[in-house]
Amino acid sequence: MRLSSLLLGLLLLLGLASPSVSANEARGQCQAPVGRDFPAAPQEVGALAGPLLKINEALDAGKYDFRSLLVVRNCKLIFERYKDGIGRDHNHTIYSVTKSFAATLVGALLHAGKLKSIDAPISTLLEKPPSLTDEAWAANNRITLRNVMQMSSGLEYFHDPANNPIYRLKSDRLAVALATKAVAEPGTKYNYSDGDASVTGAMIAAASGKDLYNTAKELLFVPLEMVNHDWWFMDLAGRYPGGWGLRLRPMDMAKLGQLYLQGCNWNGQQICDRSYVAMAWTAGPSKYYGLHWWIGRTATGLDYFYASGVKGQRIFVLPALGIVAAITSITPHNEMRGIEAMMFAAIAEAPADAGPPDEAVLAQLAKVQKTGFTGRNRSLAIEDQDYPRPPR
């Protein structure tokens, strides 16, 4: 059982139990410009109040280490809760959710004409790393940007953060990624790889003429008014990792989902082409993975898309329901199994056609959000990056 199915159940309930809305709102479109934060509309939680209260009470009783849970529907913030002592403006490490931000930068560079295609060989987009042999460089001349974004470069990679040199600050990650041997034809076999994501990040920097972080500031963080962000773990070659290291507010994580929900347009500015959203959410060699975005479908045929990071970092987008959700946590998979069972039990008990919530329930739900999560991690190793940071 995974956090993805857990949160998805909650989101399905949000969509199915919410009041009817206009055709535009049903697609989740913003009806007014969004600034630093989404407009809060907790009064629009509707029939979801009871189930949300039950779920949060169970999370509190289980003492789970949730840091944030935000739900945006039709561009309005209907639920927002943080861990006790953590506020809206703290940033969090988002681990591999970073990859979906990198994917968005690729789309923005395509829109700006700084990248012509994601199907060009990487050798035409990058300079050879100094430490890489000519033989190794030539061996990669058929790998494309699309291949690495779909995790299908064909290059050997074993996911071992403790020992793989690609995670060391004194490595040239691009050279490490490209120096590995080919084990499959490019574009034919999926293999989750932070090596591939490192190539994506290097190509973004090469196309923009700036490092990855400054590219993100210019093309994404400034237009979307994202604040208190950071990007950690620059390597020996001066490159930020394309697959991890980004720190963001949960509010700004939700903005990325909302950006995709409305065709990559933000407050009237086209960040990337509308067609790029469909491209990013189209499966490659794995039916569950597009261009650094995960793809899912419920048993009832509802499509959803999500960005995923270890220890429970997620952005979920359900286009048909106009819903985006963001969470940060320090939660292992074995705890998630129990959380999932609890959430689906609450969902099963909640009728989709329930009437307006009781005022007492609304008041209690508001109190829960103000008091915050209080659970503590019991089993995962905590690293320095796992501590939320307030604004500097």
Protein backbone atom coordinates (compact mmCIF):
# COMPACT_ATOMS: atom_id res chain seq x y z
CA MET A 1 0.00 0.00 0.00
CA ARG A 2 1.40 3.41 -0.89
CA LEU A 3 0.76 7.02 -0.01
CA SER A 4 -0.39 7.63 -3.59
CA SER A 5 -3.45 5.39 -3.24
CA LEU A 6 -4.07 6.71 0.27
CA LEU A 7 -4.24 10.34 -0.75
CA LEU A 8 -6.00 9.54 -4.00
CA GLY A 9 -8.89 8.06 -2.05
CA LEU A 10 -9.20 11.29 -0.10
CA LEU A 11 -9.07 13.36 -3.29
CA LEU A 12 -11.73 11.26 -4.97
CA LEU A 13 -13.94 11.89 -2.00
CA LEU A 14 -13.25 15.60 -2.25
CA GLY A 15 -14.36 15.68 -5.85
CA LEU A 16 -17.36 13.39 -5.56
CA ALA A 17 -18.73 14.88 -2.39
CA SER A 18 -18.36 18.56 -3.36
CA PRO A 19 -21.20 20.81 -4.47
CA SER A 20 -21.85 21.31 -8.17
CA VAL A 21 -19.91 24.09 -9.87
CA SER A 22 -19.80 25.83 -13.22
CA ALA A 23 -18.22 24.15 -16.27
CA ASN A 24 -15.09 26.30 -15.95
CA GLU A 25 -14.73 25.65 -12.25
CA ALA A 26 -15.28 21.93 -12.77
CA ARG A 27 -11.99 21.90 -14.63
CA GLY A 28 -10.31 23.65 -11.72
CA GLN A 29 -9.59 26.92 -13.49
CA CYS A 30 -8.67 30.02 -11.49
CA GLN A 31 -11.37 32.67 -11.81
CA ALA A 32 -9.05 35.44 -10.58
CA PRO A 33 -5.28 35.99 -10.46
CA VAL A 34 -3.40 34.06 -7.80
CA GLY A 35 -0.68 35.85 -5.88
CA ARG A 36 1.67 34.63 -3.21
CA ASP A 37 -0.93 32.21 -1.81
CA PHE A 38 -4.11 30.57 -3.00
CA PRO A 39 -7.28 32.26 -1.74
CA ALA A 40 -8.47 30.36 1.31
CA ALA A 41 -12.08 29.19 1.21
CA PRO A 42 -12.51 26.70 4.08
CA GLN A 43 -16.24 27.37 4.05
CA GLU A 44 -16.41 25.57 0.70
CA VAL A 45 -15.28 22.25 2.18
CA GLY A 46 -18.94 21.20 2.05
CA ALA A 47 -19.75 17.53 2.59
CA LEU A 48 -16.07 16.81 3.04
CA ALA A 49 -15.98 18.31 6.53
CA GLY A 50 -17.00 15.15 8.37
CA PRO A 51 -14.67 12.74 6.56
CA LEU A 52 -11.74 15.19 6.76
CA LEU A 53 -12.29 15.55 10.48
CA LYS A 54 -12.39 11.78 10.96
CA ILE A 55 -9.23 11.30 8.90
CA ASN A 56 -7.32 13.96 10.79
CA GLU A 57 -8.44 12.58 14.13
CA ALA A 58 -7.11 9.18 13.09
CA LEU A 59 -3.81 10.69 11.91
CA ASP A 60 -3.47 12.40 15.28
CA ALA A 61 -4.33 9.25 17.19
CA GLY A 62 -1.70 7.32 15.21
CA LYS A 63 0.90 10.05 15.86
CA TYR A 64 1.99 10.05 12.20
CA ASP A 65 4.69 12.51 11.21
CA PHE A 66 2.78 14.59 8.68
CA ARG A 67 4.29 18.03 8.09
CA SER A 68 1.59 19.46 5.80
CA LEU A 69 -1.60 18.60 3.98
CA LEU A 70 -3.12 21.13 1.56
CA VAL A 71 -6.08 20.63 -0.73
CA VAL A 72 -6.99 23.07 -3.51
CA ARG A 73 -10.22 22.71 -5.43
CA ASN A 74 -11.20 25.04 -8.27
CA CYS A 75 -8.17 27.18 -7.40
CA LYS A 76 -9.33 27.74 -3.81
CA LEU A 77 -7.63 26.43 -0.70
CA ILE A 78 -10.28 24.41 1.12
CA PHE A 79 -8.03 22.61 3.60
CA GLU A 80 -4.64 23.54 5.06
CA ARG A 81 -2.91 21.90 7.98
CA TYR A 82 0.69 21.88 9.15
CA LYS A 83 2.65 20.16 11.85
CA ASP A 84 2.66 21.93 15.19
CA GLY A 85 5.37 24.60 15.10
CA ILE A 86 5.53 24.70 11.29
CA GLY A 87 3.86 27.50 9.35
CA ARG A 88 2.70 28.18 5.84
CA ASP A 89 5.96 29.84 4.88
CA HIS A 90 8.37 27.11 5.99
CA ASN A 91 10.05 25.31 3.13
CA HIS A 92 10.48 21.53 3.01
CA THR A 93 12.77 19.17 1.18
CA ILE A 94 10.67 17.60 -1.57
CA TYR A 95 13.12 14.94 -2.71
CA SER A 96 12.11 13.52 -6.13
CA VAL A 97 9.15 15.86 -6.51
CA THR A 98 12.02 18.01 -7.84
CA LYS A 99 11.90 15.97 -11.05
CA SER A 100 8.45 17.27 -11.96
CA PHE A 101 9.68 20.84 -11.49
CA ALA A 102 12.59 20.04 -13.82
CA ALA A 103 10.09 18.69 -16.34
CA THR A 104 8.24 22.01 -16.18
CA LEU A 105 11.45 23.91 -16.88
CA VAL A 106 11.94 21.80 -20.01
CA GLY A 107 8.44 22.82 -21.11
CA ALA A 108 9.20 26.48 -20.40
CA LEU A 109 12.42 26.34 -22.44
CA LEU A 110 10.56 24.75 -25.34
CA HIS A 111 7.96 27.51 -25.16
CA ALA A 112 10.69 30.17 -25.12
CA GLY A 113 12.42 28.63 -28.12
CA LYS A 114 15.60 27.85 -26.17
CA LEU A 115 15.03 24.15 -26.72
CA LYS A 116 13.86 23.02 -30.15
CA SER A 117 12.90 19.46 -29.34
CA ILE A 118 13.17 16.84 -26.65
CA ASP A 119 14.06 14.29 -29.33
CA ALA A 120 17.49 15.69 -30.17
CA PRO A 121 20.46 13.59 -29.00
CA ILE A 122 21.91 14.85 -25.75
CA SER A 123 25.32 15.08 -27.42
CA THR A 124 23.95 17.97 -29.52
CA LEU A 125 22.67 19.80 -26.44
CA LEU A 126 25.53 19.32 -24.00
CA GLU A 127 29.28 19.73 -23.89
CA LYS A 128 31.27 16.65 -22.99
CA PRO A 129 32.21 16.62 -19.29
CA PRO A 130 36.01 16.97 -19.02
CA SER A 131 36.39 13.76 -17.02
CA LEU A 132 34.36 11.66 -19.47
CA THR A 133 36.28 9.71 -22.11
CA ASP A 134 35.63 10.30 -25.80
CA GLU A 135 34.58 6.66 -26.07
CA ALA A 136 31.97 6.99 -23.32
CA TRP A 137 30.69 10.26 -24.82
CA ALA A 138 30.31 8.71 -28.26
CA ALA A 139 28.45 5.74 -26.78
CA ASN A 140 25.66 8.06 -25.64
CA ASN A 141 25.00 9.85 -28.92
CA ARG A 142 21.63 8.16 -29.48
CA ILE A 143 20.16 9.05 -26.08
CA THR A 144 17.65 11.92 -26.24
CA LEU A 145 16.20 14.30 -23.69
CA ARG A 146 12.89 12.44 -23.99
CA ASN A 147 14.69 9.20 -23.10
CA VAL A 148 16.17 10.53 -19.88
CA MET A 149 12.92 12.27 -18.88
CA GLN A 150 11.07 8.98 -19.34
CA MET A 151 13.78 7.14 -17.36
CA SER A 152 14.65 5.08 -20.40
CA SER A 153 18.19 6.10 -21.33
CA GLY A 154 19.25 2.46 -21.26
CA LEU A 155 22.19 3.36 -19.02
CA GLU A 156 22.89 1.16 -16.03
CA TYR A 157 21.74 2.58 -12.70
CA PHE A 158 21.24 1.09 -9.25
CA HIS A 159 19.31 3.18 -6.75
CA ASP A 160 21.67 3.27 -3.77
CA PRO A 161 21.84 6.78 -2.28
CA ALA A 162 24.34 5.68 0.36
CA ASN A 163 26.96 4.44 -2.11
CA ASN A 164 26.21 5.66 -5.63
CA PRO A 165 28.73 8.43 -6.46
CA ILE A 166 26.04 10.43 -8.23
CA TYR A 167 24.91 11.68 -4.80
CA ARG A 168 28.33 12.91 -3.73
CA LEU A 169 28.94 16.64 -3.80
CA LYS A 170 32.49 16.09 -5.03
CA SER A 171 31.30 14.24 -8.15
CA ASP A 172 30.50 15.56 -11.60
CA ARG A 173 27.05 13.99 -11.74
CA LEU A 174 26.71 14.32 -15.49
CA ALA A 175 29.97 12.45 -16.02
CA VAL A 176 28.98 9.79 -13.48
CA ALA A 177 25.61 9.27 -15.19
CA LEU A 178 27.06 9.04 -18.71
CA ALA A 179 30.04 6.88 -17.78
CA THR A 180 27.87 3.88 -16.90
CA LYS A 181 27.44 1.08 -19.41
CA ALA A 182 24.41 0.70 -21.67
CA VAL A 183 22.15 -2.19 -20.72
CA ALA A 184 19.23 -1.46 -23.08
CA GLU A 185 18.46 0.44 -26.25
CA PRO A 186 17.45 4.06 -25.51
CA GLY A 187 13.70 4.47 -25.22
CA THR A 188 12.92 0.77 -24.83
CA LYS A 189 13.15 0.01 -21.11
CA TYR A 190 12.10 1.96 -18.02
CA ASN A 191 14.51 2.08 -15.09
CA TYR A 192 14.02 4.65 -12.35
CA SER A 193 17.28 6.59 -12.40
CA ASP A 194 18.66 9.64 -10.69
CA GLY A 195 21.37 9.39 -13.31
CA ASP A 196 18.81 10.14 -16.02
CA ALA A 197 17.37 12.98 -13.92
CA SER A 198 20.88 14.41 -13.56
CA VAL A 199 21.18 14.52 -17.34
CA THR A 200 17.83 16.32 -17.53
CA GLY A 201 19.07 18.96 -15.11
CA ALA A 202 22.32 19.44 -17.00
CA MET A 203 20.47 19.92 -20.29
CA ILE A 204 18.14 22.50 -18.75
CA ALA A 205 21.15 24.52 -17.58
CA ALA A 206 22.88 24.17 -20.95
CA ALA A 207 19.79 25.34 -22.85
CA SER A 208 19.08 28.29 -20.57
CA GLY A 209 22.67 29.43 -20.17
CA LYS A 210 22.14 29.62 -16.39
CA ASP A 211 22.38 27.13 -13.58
CA LEU A 212 19.30 25.08 -12.77
CA TYR A 213 18.26 27.11 -9.73
CA ASN A 214 18.49 30.48 -11.47
CA THR A 215 16.64 29.05 -14.45
CA ALA A 216 13.85 27.96 -12.11
CA LYS A 217 13.72 31.39 -10.52
CA GLU A 218 13.36 33.14 -13.86
CA LEU A 219 10.95 30.78 -15.59
CA LEU A 220 8.86 29.47 -12.72
CA PHE A 221 9.41 30.83 -9.23
CA VAL A 222 9.10 34.54 -10.10
CA PRO A 223 6.06 34.24 -12.42
CA LEU A 224 4.23 32.04 -9.89
CA GLU A 225 5.29 34.20 -6.92
CA MET A 226 6.92 31.27 -5.14
CA VAL A 227 8.85 32.31 -2.03
CA ASN A 228 11.32 30.87 0.49
CA HIS A 229 12.68 28.35 -1.99
CA ASP A 230 16.13 26.82 -2.11
CA TRP A 231 18.04 24.18 -4.06
CA TRP A 232 20.65 22.09 -2.29
CA PHE A 233 23.50 19.77 -3.23
CA MET A 234 25.40 21.53 -6.03
CA ASP A 235 28.09 19.17 -7.36
CA LEU A 236 31.77 19.63 -8.18
CA ALA A 237 30.91 20.86 -11.69
CA GLY A 238 28.61 23.59 -10.35
CA ARG A 239 25.38 21.80 -11.25
CA TYR A 240 22.30 21.43 -9.08
CA PRO A 241 20.74 17.95 -9.12
CA GLY A 242 17.88 17.61 -11.60
CA GLY A 243 16.16 14.95 -9.53
CA TRP A 244 16.31 16.11 -5.93
CA GLY A 245 17.46 18.93 -3.67
CA LEU A 246 14.65 21.45 -4.19
CA ARG A 247 13.05 23.01 -1.12
CA LEU A 248 9.61 24.62 -1.36
CA ARG A 249 6.58 25.67 0.61
CA PRO A 250 3.68 23.21 0.28
CA MET A 251 1.64 26.14 -1.06
CA ASP A 252 4.09 26.43 -3.94
CA MET A 253 4.06 22.68 -4.52
CA ALA A 254 0.31 23.00 -5.02
CA LYS A 255 0.90 25.83 -7.49
CA LEU A 256 2.77 23.46 -9.78
CA GLY A 257 -0.20 21.12 -9.86
CA GLN A 258 -2.55 24.02 -10.51
CA LEU A 259 -0.31 25.23 -13.35
CA TYR A 260 -0.72 21.89 -15.12
CA LEU A 261 -4.41 21.77 -14.32
CA GLN A 262 -4.93 24.93 -16.34
CA GLY A 263 -2.81 24.15 -19.36
CA CYS A 264 0.44 25.68 -18.12
CA ASN A 265 -1.08 29.18 -17.98
CA TRP A 266 -0.60 31.30 -14.88
CA ASN A 267 -2.44 34.58 -14.41
CA GLY A 268 -2.62 34.97 -18.18
CA GLN A 269 1.04 34.14 -18.82
CA GLN A 270 1.80 30.99 -20.77
CA ILE A 271 4.66 29.28 -18.92
CA CYS A 272 4.81 26.37 -21.35
CA ASP A 273 2.65 25.26 -24.27
CA ARG A 274 -0.71 23.77 -23.40
CA SER A 275 0.24 20.76 -25.51
CA TYR A 276 3.24 20.17 -23.25
CA VAL A 277 0.96 19.17 -20.36
CA ALA A 278 -0.39 16.29 -22.42
CA MET A 279 3.15 15.41 -23.50
CA ALA A 280 4.41 15.34 -19.91
CA TRP A 281 1.48 13.17 -18.84
CA THR A 282 1.80 10.67 -21.69
CA ALA A 283 3.36 7.34 -20.75
CA GLY A 284 6.72 6.25 -22.11
CA PRO A 285 8.16 2.74 -21.83
CA SER A 286 6.45 2.50 -18.43
CA LYS A 287 2.69 3.03 -18.47
CA TYR A 288 3.05 4.65 -15.05
CA TYR A 289 5.62 7.30 -15.99
CA GLY A 290 5.63 10.23 -18.42
CA LEU A 291 8.16 13.08 -18.53
CA HIS A 292 9.22 13.07 -14.87
CA TRP A 293 5.55 12.79 -13.85
CA TRP A 294 3.80 9.70 -12.52
CA ILE A 295 0.56 8.50 -14.10
CA GLY A 296 -2.33 6.65 -12.50
CA ARG A 297 -5.88 5.55 -13.13
CA THR A 298 -8.52 4.53 -10.64
CA ALA A 299 -10.60 1.37 -10.92
CA THR A 300 -13.43 3.56 -12.22
CA GLY A 301 -11.27 4.94 -15.02
CA LEU A 302 -10.42 8.35 -13.55
CA ASP A 303 -6.98 9.59 -14.58
CA TYR A 304 -4.69 11.28 -12.10
CA PHE A 305 -1.10 12.53 -12.21
CA TYR A 306 1.39 13.05 -9.44
CA ALA A 307 4.86 14.10 -8.43
CA SER A 308 6.41 11.82 -5.86
CA GLY A 309 9.30 12.00 -3.40
CA VAL A 310 10.60 9.55 -0.81
CA LYS A 311 9.36 9.81 2.80
CA GLY A 312 5.95 10.93 1.65
CA GLN A 313 6.25 14.08 -0.47
CA ARG A 314 3.49 14.39 -3.07
CA ILE A 315 1.66 16.66 -5.48
CA PHE A 316 -1.56 15.15 -6.84
CA VAL A 317 -3.57 16.49 -9.78
CA LEU A 318 -7.03 15.19 -10.68
CA PRO A 319 -8.07 17.18 -13.77
CA ALA A 320 -11.60 15.80 -14.00
CA LEU A 321 -12.34 16.95 -10.45
CA GLY A 322 -10.40 20.23 -10.49
CA ILE A 323 -8.38 19.12 -7.49
CA VAL A 324 -4.73 19.59 -6.51
CA ALA A 325 -3.22 18.43 -3.24
CA ALA A 326 0.23 18.75 -1.71
CA ILE A 327 1.70 16.94 1.27
CA THR A 328 5.03 16.75 3.03
CA SER A 329 5.87 14.17 5.66
CA ILE A 330 8.41 11.80 7.15
CA THR A 331 6.48 8.58 6.82
CA PRO A 332 7.70 5.07 5.94
CA HIS A 333 5.74 2.69 3.74
CA ASN A 334 4.73 0.36 6.58
CA GLU A 335 2.99 3.24 8.37
CA MET A 336 1.33 4.23 5.12
CA ARG A 337 -0.42 0.87 4.92
CA GLY A 338 -2.22 1.60 8.16
CA ILE A 339 -3.00 5.15 7.11
CA GLU A 340 -4.42 3.92 3.83
CA ALA A 341 -6.77 1.46 5.54
CA MET A 342 -7.96 4.22 7.86
CA MET A 343 -8.59 6.70 5.06
CA PHE A 344 -10.49 4.31 2.86
CA ALA A 345 -12.67 3.30 5.81
CA ALA A 346 -13.61 6.95 6.27
CA ILE A 347 -14.27 7.33 2.56
CA ALA A 348 -16.51 4.27 2.42
CA GLU A 349 -18.66 5.68 5.21
CA ALA A 350 -19.13 9.08 3.56
CA PRO A 351 -22.11 9.36 1.19
CA ALA A 352 -21.38 11.40 -1.94
CA ASP A 353 -24.78 13.09 -1.73
CA ALA A 354 -24.43 14.24 1.88
CA GLY A 355 -25.98 17.58 2.72
CA PRO A 356 -24.26 20.64 4.20
CA PRO A 357 -21.99 19.86 7.14
CA ASP A 358 -23.05 20.44 10.71
CA GLU A 359 -21.77 23.74 12.10
CA ALA A 360 -20.20 21.91 15.02
CA VAL A 361 -18.24 19.72 12.60
CA LEU A 362 -17.02 22.76 10.69
CA ALA A 363 -15.92 24.38 13.93
CA GLN A 364 -14.04 21.27 15.01
CA LEU A 365 -12.36 20.96 11.60
CA ALA A 366 -11.21 24.58 11.86
CA LYS A 367 -9.81 23.85 15.33
CA VAL A 368 -7.93 20.81 14.03
CA GLN A 369 -6.22 22.88 11.35
CA LYS A 370 -5.16 25.49 13.88
CA THR A 371 -3.70 22.99 16.35
CA GLY A 372 -1.70 21.15 13.70
CA PHE A 373 -0.19 17.66 13.45
CA THR A 374 1.79 16.54 16.49
CA GLY A 375 3.05 13.08 15.47
CA ARG A 376 6.71 12.15 15.50
CA ASN A 377 8.80 9.96 13.23
CA ARG A 378 9.55 6.62 14.86
CA SER A 379 11.69 4.72 12.38
CA LEU A 380 13.22 6.73 9.53
CA ALA A 381 16.66 8.28 9.76
CA ILE A 382 16.34 12.06 9.88
CA GLU A 383 18.79 14.08 7.82
CA ASP A 384 19.53 17.78 8.05
CA GLN A 385 17.48 18.40 4.92
CA ASP A 386 14.37 16.90 6.57
CA TYR A 387 13.93 19.86 8.90
CA PRO A 388 11.58 22.55 7.55
CA ARG A 389 13.14 26.02 7.30
CA PRO A 390 11.36 29.29 8.06
CA PRO A 391 11.86 32.30 5.78
CA ARG A 392 15.32 33.83 6.05
